Amino acid sequence: MTIILTLLLASTILGLLTSLFYRIWAVGLLSVLIAILSALVLHFFGFRLLEGVAVSVLCLVVCQLAYWVASLRLLKGTDLSEDEIDGCPGGEREQDVDDENR
């Protein structure tokens, strides 16, 4: 059980760090690395095939979820719904919208 939790924690940390420093293509390379290393570690500790596959898939899912959550938190900008509307069109408008609503 400790090995499984260690692999899941390592996958989570790798997913978070990848989202901070690299783009989405790095997740593909990281997924291959996680799959190979988790399979080797689980085989070394005597896990059977189905158990090892389940843990490896879980490690990949956790890594990609961590990448997704961290990238969403990083990309969150200003919320456009918080902008106030004053009813007056700005000076940089592209069309004459003022006459269309009469």
PDB file of N, CA and C in Angstrom:
ATOM      1  N   MET A   1       0.820  -1.192   0.000  1.00  0.00           N
ATOM      2  CA  MET A   1       0.000   0.000   0.000  1.00  0.00           C
ATOM      3  C   MET A   1       0.862   1.254   0.000  1.00  0.00           C
ATOM      4  N   THR A   2       1.989   1.193   0.685  1.00  0.00           N
ATOM      5  CA  THR A   2       2.889   2.342   0.732  1.00  0.00           C
ATOM      6  C   THR A   2       3.472   2.640  -0.643  1.00  0.00           C
ATOM      7  N   ILE A   3       3.771   1.591  -1.382  1.00  0.00           N
ATOM      8  CA  ILE A   3       4.323   1.770  -2.737  1.00  0.00           C
ATOM      9  C   ILE A   3       3.296   2.455  -3.628  1.00  0.00           C
ATOM     10  N   ILE A   4       2.041   2.053  -3.527  1.00  0.00           N
ATOM     11  CA  ILE A   4       0.991   2.648  -4.352  1.00  0.00           C
ATOM     12  C   ILE A   4       0.826   4.126  -4.023  1.00  0.00           C
ATOM     13  N   LEU A   5       0.773   4.455  -2.737  1.00  0.00           N
ATOM     14  CA  LEU A   5       0.641   5.854  -2.337  1.00  0.00           C
ATOM     15  C   LEU A   5       1.852   6.679  -2.760  1.00  0.00           C
ATOM     16  N   THR A   6       3.033   6.096  -2.683  1.00  0.00           N
ATOM     17  CA  THR A   6       4.253   6.798  -3.111  1.00  0.00           C
ATOM     18  C   THR A   6       4.217   7.069  -4.611  1.00  0.00           C
ATOM     19  N   LEU A   7       3.792   6.089  -5.389  1.00  0.00           N
ATOM     20  CA  LEU A   7       3.696   6.284  -6.837  1.00  0.00           C
ATOM     21  C   LEU A   7       2.644   7.336  -7.187  1.00  0.00           C
ATOM     22  N   LEU A   8       1.519   7.320  -6.491  1.00  0.00           N
ATOM     23  CA  LEU A   8       0.474   8.309  -6.744  1.00  0.00           C
ATOM     24  C   LEU A   8       0.936   9.717  -6.359  1.00  0.00           C
ATOM     25  N   LEU A   9       1.635   9.829  -5.240  1.00  0.00           N
ATOM     26  CA  LEU A   9       2.146  11.133  -4.823  1.00  0.00           C
ATOM     27  C   LEU A   9       3.193  11.654  -5.806  1.00  0.00           C
ATOM     28  N   ALA A  10       4.073  10.763  -6.247  1.00  0.00           N
ATOM     29  CA  ALA A  10       5.096  11.167  -7.224  1.00  0.00           C
ATOM     30  C   ALA A  10       4.453  11.583  -8.546  1.00  0.00           C
ATOM     31  N   SER A  11       3.423  10.880  -8.969  1.00  0.00           N
ATOM     32  CA  SER A  11       2.727  11.232 -10.210  1.00  0.00           C
ATOM     33  C   SER A  11       2.039  12.584 -10.089  1.00  0.00           C
ATOM     34  N   THR A  12       1.449  12.840  -8.929  1.00  0.00           N
ATOM     35  CA  THR A  12       0.795  14.124  -8.703  1.00  0.00           C
ATOM     36  C   THR A  12       1.799  15.269  -8.734  1.00  0.00           C
ATOM     37  N   ILE A  13       2.902  15.087  -8.051  1.00  0.00           N
ATOM     38  CA  ILE A  13       3.933  16.130  -8.014  1.00  0.00           C
ATOM     39  C   ILE A  13       4.508  16.370  -9.404  1.00  0.00           C
ATOM     40  N   LEU A  14       4.751  15.307 -10.152  1.00  0.00           N
ATOM     41  CA  LEU A  14       5.264  15.469 -11.517  1.00  0.00           C
ATOM     42  C   LEU A  14       4.266  16.188 -12.410  1.00  0.00           C
ATOM     43  N   GLY A  15       2.989  15.892 -12.259  1.00  0.00           N
ATOM     44  CA  GLY A  15       1.964  16.579 -13.040  1.00  0.00           C
ATOM     45  C   GLY A  15       1.892  18.059 -12.704  1.00  0.00           C
ATOM     46  N   LEU A  16       1.976  18.387 -11.424  1.00  0.00           N
ATOM     47  CA  LEU A  16       1.950  19.789 -11.008  1.00  0.00           C
ATOM     48  C   LEU A  16       3.178  20.544 -11.515  1.00  0.00           C
ATOM     49  N   LEU A  17       4.343  19.944 -11.364  1.00  0.00           N
ATOM     50  CA  LEU A  17       5.565  20.604 -11.814  1.00  0.00           C
ATOM     51  C   LEU A  17       5.608  20.758 -13.328  1.00  0.00           C
ATOM     52  N   THR A  18       5.074  19.790 -14.034  1.00  0.00           N
ATOM     53  CA  THR A  18       5.040  19.878 -15.488  1.00  0.00           C
ATOM     54  C   THR A  18       4.156  21.030 -15.940  1.00  0.00           C
ATOM     55  N   SER A  19       3.042  21.229 -15.266  1.00  0.00           N
ATOM     56  CA  SER A  19       2.152  22.325 -15.667  1.00  0.00           C
ATOM     57  C   SER A  19       2.764  23.684 -15.372  1.00  0.00           C
ATOM     58  N   LEU A  20       3.645  23.757 -14.406  1.00  0.00           N
ATOM     59  CA  LEU A  20       4.280  25.036 -14.082  1.00  0.00           C
ATOM     60  C   LEU A  20       5.350  25.434 -15.088  1.00  0.00           C
ATOM     61  N   PHE A  21       6.067  24.463 -15.626  1.00  0.00           N
ATOM     62  CA  PHE A  21       7.245  24.776 -16.423  1.00  0.00           C
ATOM     63  C   PHE A  21       7.169  24.390 -17.894  1.00  0.00           C
ATOM     64  N   TYR A  22       6.284  23.469 -18.264  1.00  0.00           N
ATOM     65  CA  TYR A  22       6.252  22.970 -19.633  1.00  0.00           C
ATOM     66  C   TYR A  22       4.850  23.040 -20.214  1.00  0.00           C
ATOM     67  N   ARG A  23       4.749  22.791 -21.495  1.00  0.00           N
ATOM     68  CA  ARG A  23       3.466  22.800 -22.198  1.00  0.00           C
ATOM     69  C   ARG A  23       2.876  21.393 -22.218  1.00  0.00           C
ATOM     70  N   ILE A  24       1.767  21.253 -22.924  1.00  0.00           N
ATOM     71  CA  ILE A  24       1.004  20.011 -22.921  1.00  0.00           C
ATOM     72  C   ILE A  24       1.771  18.851 -23.555  1.00  0.00           C
ATOM     73  N   TRP A  25       2.664  19.118 -24.498  1.00  0.00           N
ATOM     74  CA  TRP A  25       3.404  18.025 -25.133  1.00  0.00           C
ATOM     75  C   TRP A  25       4.273  17.294 -24.129  1.00  0.00           C
ATOM     76  N   ALA A  26       4.676  17.957 -23.069  1.00  0.00           N
ATOM     77  CA  ALA A  26       5.517  17.310 -22.068  1.00  0.00           C
ATOM     78  C   ALA A  26       4.751  16.263 -21.272  1.00  0.00           C
ATOM     79  N   VAL A  27       3.427  16.386 -21.210  1.00  0.00           N
ATOM     80  CA  VAL A  27       2.626  15.391 -20.492  1.00  0.00           C
ATOM     81  C   VAL A  27       2.689  14.044 -21.213  1.00  0.00           C
ATOM     82  N   GLY A  28       2.754  14.065 -22.523  1.00  0.00           N
ATOM     83  CA  GLY A  28       2.891  12.814 -23.280  1.00  0.00           C
ATOM     84  C   GLY A  28       4.193  12.097 -22.953  1.00  0.00           C
ATOM     85  N   LEU A  29       5.278  12.848 -22.916  1.00  0.00           N
ATOM     86  CA  LEU A  29       6.560  12.247 -22.550  1.00  0.00           C
ATOM     87  C   LEU A  29       6.569  11.791 -21.099  1.00  0.00           C
ATOM     88  N   LEU A  30       5.969  12.602 -20.246  1.00  0.00           N
ATOM     89  CA  LEU A  30       5.901  12.256 -18.831  1.00  0.00           C
ATOM     90  C   LEU A  30       5.043  11.016 -18.601  1.00  0.00           C
ATOM     91  N   SER A  31       3.987  10.864 -19.381  1.00  0.00           N
ATOM     92  CA  SER A  31       3.113   9.689 -19.242  1.00  0.00           C
ATOM     93  C   SER A  31       3.854   8.399 -19.581  1.00  0.00           C
ATOM     94  N   VAL A  32       4.658   8.458 -20.620  1.00  0.00           N
ATOM     95  CA  VAL A  32       5.460   7.275 -20.971  1.00  0.00           C
ATOM     96  C   VAL A  32       6.433   6.952 -19.856  1.00  0.00           C
ATOM     97  N   LEU A  33       7.079   7.968 -19.319  1.00  0.00           N
ATOM     98  CA  LEU A  33       8.034   7.776 -18.233  1.00  0.00           C
ATOM     99  C   LEU A  33       7.346   7.204 -16.991  1.00  0.00           C
ATOM    100  N   ILE A  34       6.196   7.733 -16.634  1.00  0.00           N
ATOM    101  CA  ILE A  34       5.464   7.237 -15.461  1.00  0.00           C
ATOM    102  C   ILE A  34       5.019   5.791 -15.671  1.00  0.00           C
ATOM    103  N   ALA A  35       4.527   5.484 -16.856  1.00  0.00           N
ATOM    104  CA  ALA A  35       4.064   4.116 -17.128  1.00  0.00           C
ATOM    105  C   ALA A  35       5.204   3.112 -17.006  1.00  0.00           C
ATOM    106  N   ILE A  36       6.353   3.445 -17.567  1.00  0.00           N
ATOM    107  CA  ILE A  36       7.494   2.520 -17.517  1.00  0.00           C
ATOM    108  C   ILE A  36       8.020   2.376 -16.096  1.00  0.00           C
ATOM    109  N   LEU A  37       8.231   3.503 -15.417  1.00  0.00           N
ATOM    110  CA  LEU A  37       8.790   3.440 -14.060  1.00  0.00           C
ATOM    111  C   LEU A  37       7.831   2.785 -13.070  1.00  0.00           C
ATOM    112  N   SER A  38       6.549   3.080 -13.183  1.00  0.00           N
ATOM    113  CA  SER A  38       5.605   2.450 -12.259  1.00  0.00           C
ATOM    114  C   SER A  38       5.507   0.943 -12.521  1.00  0.00           C
ATOM    115  N   ALA A  39       5.564   0.541 -13.779  1.00  0.00           N
ATOM    116  CA  ALA A  39       5.534  -0.890 -14.091  1.00  0.00           C
ATOM    117  C   ALA A  39       6.772  -1.598 -13.541  1.00  0.00           C
ATOM    118  N   LEU A  40       7.918  -0.965 -13.668  1.00  0.00           N
ATOM    119  CA  LEU A  40       9.146  -1.571 -13.131  1.00  0.00           C
ATOM    120  C   LEU A  40       9.115  -1.661 -11.610  1.00  0.00           C
ATOM    121  N   VAL A  41       8.675  -0.606 -10.961  1.00  0.00           N
ATOM    122  CA  VAL A  41       8.620  -0.609  -9.495  1.00  0.00           C
ATOM    123  C   VAL A  41       7.610  -1.634  -8.995  1.00  0.00           C
ATOM    124  N   LEU A  42       6.457  -1.680  -9.609  1.00  0.00           N
ATOM    125  CA  LEU A  42       5.436  -2.629  -9.177  1.00  0.00           C
ATOM    126  C   LEU A  42       5.850  -4.078  -9.440  1.00  0.00           C
ATOM    127  N   HIS A  43       6.517  -4.320 -10.536  1.00  0.00           N
ATOM    128  CA  HIS A  43       7.023  -5.668 -10.822  1.00  0.00           C
ATOM    129  C   HIS A  43       8.100  -6.060  -9.808  1.00  0.00           C
ATOM    130  N   PHE A  44       8.937  -5.112  -9.443  1.00  0.00           N
ATOM    131  CA  PHE A  44      10.003  -5.380  -8.467  1.00  0.00           C
ATOM    132  C   PHE A  44       9.419  -5.745  -7.105  1.00  0.00           C
ATOM    133  N   PHE A  45       8.313  -5.129  -6.736  1.00  0.00           N
ATOM    134  CA  PHE A  45       7.703  -5.408  -5.442  1.00  0.00           C
ATOM    135  C   PHE A  45       6.664  -6.533  -5.496  1.00  0.00           C
ATOM    136  N   GLY A  46       6.577  -7.241  -6.609  1.00  0.00           N
ATOM    137  CA  GLY A  46       5.780  -8.456  -6.691  1.00  0.00           C
ATOM    138  C   GLY A  46       4.303  -8.275  -6.965  1.00  0.00           C
ATOM    139  N   PHE A  47       3.908  -7.196  -7.563  1.00  0.00           N
ATOM    140  CA  PHE A  47       2.502  -7.016  -7.927  1.00  0.00           C
ATOM    141  C   PHE A  47       2.187  -7.866  -9.149  1.00  0.00           C
ATOM    142  N   ARG A  48       0.967  -8.373  -9.203  1.00  0.00           N
ATOM    143  CA  ARG A  48       0.544  -9.156 -10.362  1.00  0.00           C
ATOM    144  C   ARG A  48       0.201  -8.234 -11.516  1.00  0.00           C
ATOM    145  N   LEU A  49      -0.108  -8.813 -12.666  1.00  0.00           N
ATOM    146  CA  LEU A  49      -0.328  -8.044 -13.885  1.00  0.00           C
ATOM    147  C   LEU A  49      -1.507  -7.080 -13.755  1.00  0.00           C
ATOM    148  N   LEU A  50      -2.667  -7.573 -13.374  1.00  0.00           N
ATOM    149  CA  LEU A  50      -3.845  -6.711 -13.302  1.00  0.00           C
ATOM    150  C   LEU A  50      -3.709  -5.644 -12.222  1.00  0.00           C
ATOM    151  N   GLU A  51      -3.098  -5.991 -11.106  1.00  0.00           N
ATOM    152  CA  GLU A  51      -2.870  -5.000 -10.055  1.00  0.00           C
ATOM    153  C   GLU A  51      -1.915  -3.911 -10.536  1.00  0.00           C
ATOM    154  N   GLY A  52      -0.858  -4.338 -11.217  1.00  0.00           N
ATOM    155  CA  GLY A  52       0.125  -3.386 -11.721  1.00  0.00           C
ATOM    156  C   GLY A  52      -0.442  -2.465 -12.786  1.00  0.00           C
ATOM    157  N   VAL A  53      -1.255  -3.023 -13.669  1.00  0.00           N
ATOM    158  CA  VAL A  53      -1.878  -2.209 -14.721  1.00  0.00           C
ATOM    159  C   VAL A  53      -2.842  -1.205 -14.100  1.00  0.00           C
ATOM    160  N   ALA A  54      -3.612  -1.642 -13.117  1.00  0.00           N
ATOM    161  CA  ALA A  54      -4.568  -0.737 -12.474  1.00  0.00           C
ATOM    162  C   ALA A  54      -3.859   0.419 -11.776  1.00  0.00           C
ATOM    163  N   VAL A  55      -2.779   0.126 -11.084  1.00  0.00           N
ATOM    164  CA  VAL A  55      -2.031   1.177 -10.394  1.00  0.00           C
ATOM    165  C   VAL A  55      -1.342   2.094 -11.398  1.00  0.00           C
ATOM    166  N   SER A  56      -0.812   1.549 -12.466  1.00  0.00           N
ATOM    167  CA  SER A  56      -0.158   2.378 -13.481  1.00  0.00           C
ATOM    168  C   SER A  56      -1.160   3.318 -14.160  1.00  0.00           C
ATOM    169  N   VAL A  57      -2.334   2.809 -14.483  1.00  0.00           N
ATOM    170  CA  VAL A  57      -3.368   3.651 -15.087  1.00  0.00           C
ATOM    171  C   VAL A  57      -3.812   4.728 -14.107  1.00  0.00           C
ATOM    172  N   LEU A  58      -3.944   4.368 -12.845  1.00  0.00           N
ATOM    173  CA  LEU A  58      -4.319   5.343 -11.830  1.00  0.00           C
ATOM    174  C   LEU A  58      -3.247   6.432 -11.693  1.00  0.00           C
ATOM    175  N   CYS A  59      -1.991   6.048 -11.765  1.00  0.00           N
ATOM    176  CA  CYS A  59      -0.899   7.030 -11.718  1.00  0.00           C
ATOM    177  C   CYS A  59      -0.972   7.988 -12.908  1.00  0.00           C
ATOM    178  N   LEU A  60      -1.277   7.471 -14.085  1.00  0.00           N
ATOM    179  CA  LEU A  60      -1.392   8.322 -15.267  1.00  0.00           C
ATOM    180  C   LEU A  60      -2.578   9.276 -15.156  1.00  0.00           C
ATOM    181  N   VAL A  61      -3.696   8.787 -14.649  1.00  0.00           N
ATOM    182  CA  VAL A  61      -4.879   9.635 -14.489  1.00  0.00           C
ATOM    183  C   VAL A  61      -4.612  10.736 -13.467  1.00  0.00           C
ATOM    184  N   VAL A  62      -3.975  10.385 -12.359  1.00  0.00           N
ATOM    185  CA  VAL A  62      -3.673  11.366 -11.316  1.00  0.00           C
ATOM    186  C   VAL A  62      -2.712  12.429 -11.845  1.00  0.00           C
ATOM    187  N   CYS A  63      -1.731  12.019 -12.617  1.00  0.00           N
ATOM    188  CA  CYS A  63      -0.770  12.962 -13.189  1.00  0.00           C
ATOM    189  C   CYS A  63      -1.458  13.944 -14.124  1.00  0.00           C
ATOM    190  N   GLN A  64      -2.310  13.438 -14.986  1.00  0.00           N
ATOM    191  CA  GLN A  64      -2.969  14.314 -15.937  1.00  0.00           C
ATOM    192  C   GLN A  64      -4.012  15.212 -15.267  1.00  0.00           C
ATOM    193  N   LEU A  65      -4.673  14.727 -14.232  1.00  0.00           N
ATOM    194  CA  LEU A  65      -5.599  15.578 -13.478  1.00  0.00           C
ATOM    195  C   LEU A  65      -4.852  16.689 -12.757  1.00  0.00           C
ATOM    196  N   ALA A  66      -3.690  16.359 -12.188  1.00  0.00           N
ATOM    197  CA  ALA A  66      -2.886  17.383 -11.513  1.00  0.00           C
ATOM    198  C   ALA A  66      -2.413  18.429 -12.509  1.00  0.00           C
ATOM    199  N   TYR A  67      -2.007  17.998 -13.704  1.00  0.00           N
ATOM    200  CA  TYR A  67      -1.596  18.942 -14.744  1.00  0.00           C
ATOM    201  C   TYR A  67      -2.768  19.848 -15.132  1.00  0.00           C
ATOM    202  N   TRP A  68      -3.938  19.263 -15.313  1.00  0.00           N
ATOM    203  CA  TRP A  68      -5.114  20.006 -15.729  1.00  0.00           C
ATOM    204  C   TRP A  68      -5.530  21.035 -14.676  1.00  0.00           C
ATOM    205  N   VAL A  69      -5.578  20.603 -13.408  1.00  0.00           N
ATOM    206  CA  VAL A  69      -5.987  21.507 -12.330  1.00  0.00           C
ATOM    207  C   VAL A  69      -4.992  22.655 -12.186  1.00  0.00           C
ATOM    208  N   ALA A  70      -3.706  22.343 -12.211  1.00  0.00           N
ATOM    209  CA  ALA A  70      -2.694  23.391 -12.056  1.00  0.00           C
ATOM    210  C   ALA A  70      -2.693  24.343 -13.244  1.00  0.00           C
ATOM    211  N   SER A  71      -2.891  23.832 -14.441  1.00  0.00           N
ATOM    212  CA  SER A  71      -2.904  24.725 -15.602  1.00  0.00           C
ATOM    213  C   SER A  71      -4.149  25.605 -15.606  1.00  0.00           C
ATOM    214  N   LEU A  72      -5.270  25.112 -15.115  1.00  0.00           N
ATOM    215  CA  LEU A  72      -6.460  25.942 -14.999  1.00  0.00           C
ATOM    216  C   LEU A  72      -6.259  27.045 -13.967  1.00  0.00           C
ATOM    217  N   ARG A  73      -5.591  26.721 -12.888  1.00  0.00           N
ATOM    218  CA  ARG A  73      -5.330  27.732 -11.867  1.00  0.00           C
ATOM    219  C   ARG A  73      -4.350  28.788 -12.367  1.00  0.00           C
ATOM    220  N   LEU A  74      -3.397  28.389 -13.190  1.00  0.00           N
ATOM    221  CA  LEU A  74      -2.417  29.340 -13.712  1.00  0.00           C
ATOM    222  C   LEU A  74      -3.019  30.240 -14.785  1.00  0.00           C
ATOM    223  N   LEU A  75      -3.915  29.697 -15.600  1.00  0.00           N
ATOM    224  CA  LEU A  75      -4.470  30.451 -16.707  1.00  0.00           C
ATOM    225  C   LEU A  75      -5.660  31.318 -16.313  1.00  0.00           C
ATOM    226  N   LYS A  76      -6.095  31.204 -15.082  1.00  0.00           N
ATOM    227  CA  LYS A  76      -7.267  31.967 -14.665  1.00  0.00           C
ATOM    228  C   LYS A  76      -6.905  33.449 -14.620  1.00  0.00           C
ATOM    229  N   GLY A  77      -7.526  34.188 -15.492  1.00  0.00           N
ATOM    230  CA  GLY A  77      -7.290  35.626 -15.559  1.00  0.00           C
ATOM    231  C   GLY A  77      -8.419  36.376 -14.886  1.00  0.00           C
ATOM    232  N   THR A  78      -8.609  37.582 -15.313  1.00  0.00           N
ATOM    233  CA  THR A  78      -9.696  38.370 -14.747  1.00  0.00           C
ATOM    234  C   THR A  78     -11.026  37.837 -15.256  1.00  0.00           C
ATOM    235  N   ASP A  79     -11.997  37.858 -14.415  1.00  0.00           N
ATOM    236  CA  ASP A  79     -13.321  37.370 -14.765  1.00  0.00           C
ATOM    237  C   ASP A  79     -14.075  38.484 -15.480  1.00  0.00           C
ATOM    238  N   LEU A  80     -14.490  38.218 -16.708  1.00  0.00           N
ATOM    239  CA  LEU A  80     -15.168  39.241 -17.497  1.00  0.00           C
ATOM    240  C   LEU A  80     -16.542  39.589 -16.946  1.00  0.00           C
ATOM    241  N   SER A  81     -17.133  38.697 -16.183  1.00  0.00           N
ATOM    242  CA  SER A  81     -18.451  38.996 -15.626  1.00  0.00           C
ATOM    243  C   SER A  81     -18.371  40.036 -14.513  1.00  0.00           C
ATOM    244  N   GLU A  82     -17.176  40.312 -14.023  1.00  0.00           N
ATOM    245  CA  GLU A  82     -17.015  41.322 -12.983  1.00  0.00           C
ATOM    246  C   GLU A  82     -16.894  42.737 -13.556  1.00  0.00           C
ATOM    247  N   ASP A  83     -16.748  42.864 -14.882  1.00  0.00           N
ATOM    248  CA  ASP A  83     -16.658  44.180 -15.494  1.00  0.00           C
ATOM    249  C   ASP A  83     -18.014  44.878 -15.399  1.00  0.00           C
ATOM    250  N   GLU A  84     -17.974  46.146 -15.097  1.00  0.00           N
ATOM    251  CA  GLU A  84     -19.212  46.915 -15.010  1.00  0.00           C
ATOM    252  C   GLU A  84     -19.566  47.479 -16.382  1.00  0.00           C
ATOM    253  N   ILE A  85     -20.836  47.482 -16.667  1.00  0.00           N
ATOM    254  CA  ILE A  85     -21.318  48.019 -17.929  1.00  0.00           C
ATOM    255  C   ILE A  85     -21.959  49.368 -17.629  1.00  0.00           C
ATOM    256  N   ASP A  86     -21.477  50.414 -18.277  1.00  0.00           N
ATOM    257  CA  ASP A  86     -22.018  51.740 -18.016  1.00  0.00           C
ATOM    258  C   ASP A  86     -22.998  52.206 -19.086  1.00  0.00           C
ATOM    259  N   GLY A  87     -23.188  51.426 -20.147  1.00  0.00           N
ATOM    260  CA  GLY A  87     -24.150  51.774 -21.168  1.00  0.00           C
ATOM    261  C   GLY A  87     -23.604  52.661 -22.275  1.00  0.00           C
ATOM    262  N   CYS A  88     -22.439  53.219 -22.098  1.00  0.00           N
ATOM    263  CA  CYS A  88     -21.865  54.095 -23.122  1.00  0.00           C
ATOM    264  C   CYS A  88     -20.864  53.312 -23.951  1.00  0.00           C
ATOM    265  N   PRO A  89     -20.971  53.359 -25.278  1.00  0.00           N
ATOM    266  CA  PRO A  89     -19.990  52.652 -26.095  1.00  0.00           C
ATOM    267  C   PRO A  89     -18.625  53.326 -25.998  1.00  0.00           C
ATOM    268  N   GLY A  90     -17.591  52.520 -26.126  1.00  0.00           N
ATOM    269  CA  GLY A  90     -16.236  53.036 -26.047  1.00  0.00           C
ATOM    270  C   GLY A  90     -15.827  53.733 -27.332  1.00  0.00           C
ATOM    271  N   GLY A  91     -14.693  54.404 -27.300  1.00  0.00           N
ATOM    272  CA  GLY A  91     -14.200  55.131 -28.454  1.00  0.00           C
ATOM    273  C   GLY A  91     -13.598  54.241 -29.521  1.00  0.00           C
ATOM    274  N   GLU A  92     -13.330  52.986 -29.209  1.00  0.00           N
ATOM    275  CA  GLU A  92     -12.689  52.092 -30.165  1.00  0.00           C
ATOM    276  C   GLU A  92     -13.675  51.141 -30.825  1.00  0.00           C
ATOM    277  N   ARG A  93     -14.904  51.518 -30.955  1.00  0.00           N
ATOM    278  CA  ARG A  93     -15.876  50.627 -31.572  1.00  0.00           C
ATOM    279  C   ARG A  93     -15.658  50.567 -33.075  1.00  0.00           C
ATOM    280  N   GLU A  94     -16.027  49.440 -33.660  1.00  0.00           N
ATOM    281  CA  GLU A  94     -15.773  49.216 -35.075  1.00  0.00           C
ATOM    282  C   GLU A  94     -16.970  49.593 -35.944  1.00  0.00           C
ATOM    283  N   GLN A  95     -18.147  49.622 -35.391  1.00  0.00           N
ATOM    284  CA  GLN A  95     -19.344  49.938 -36.156  1.00  0.00           C
ATOM    285  C   GLN A  95     -20.125  51.035 -35.432  1.00  0.00           C
ATOM    286  N   ASP A  96     -21.038  51.588 -36.125  1.00  0.00           N
ATOM    287  CA  ASP A  96     -21.904  52.587 -35.513  1.00  0.00           C
ATOM    288  C   ASP A  96     -23.116  51.866 -34.926  1.00  0.00           C
ATOM    289  N   VAL A  97     -22.998  51.399 -33.726  1.00  0.00           N
ATOM    290  CA  VAL A  97     -24.027  50.607 -33.084  1.00  0.00           C
ATOM    291  C   VAL A  97     -25.110  51.501 -32.496  1.00  0.00           C
ATOM    292  N   ASP A  98     -24.808  52.742 -32.283  1.00  0.00           N
ATOM    293  CA  ASP A  98     -25.728  53.662 -31.612  1.00  0.00           C
ATOM    294  C   ASP A  98     -27.050  53.793 -32.366  1.00  0.00           C
ATOM    295  N   ASP A  99     -27.060  53.777 -33.694  1.00  0.00           N
ATOM    296  CA  ASP A  99     -28.273  53.991 -34.477  1.00  0.00           C
ATOM    297  C   ASP A  99     -29.089  52.714 -34.691  1.00  0.00           C
ATOM    298  N   GLU A 100     -28.563  51.557 -34.419  1.00  0.00           N
ATOM    299  CA  GLU A 100     -29.260  50.310 -34.713  1.00  0.00           C
ATOM    300  C   GLU A 100     -30.376  49.999 -33.717  1.00  0.00           C
ATOM    301  N   ASN A 101     -30.336  50.543 -32.515  1.00  0.00           N
ATOM    302  CA  ASN A 101     -31.284  50.177 -31.483  1.00  0.00           C
ATOM    303  C   ASN A 101     -32.427  51.180 -31.355  1.00  0.00           C
ATOM    304  N   ARG A 102     -32.720  51.957 -32.326  1.00  0.00           N
ATOM    305  CA  ARG A 102     -33.806  52.946 -32.239  1.00  0.00           C
ATOM    306  C   ARG A 102     -35.065  52.437 -32.835  1.00  0.00           C
TER     307      ARG A 102
END
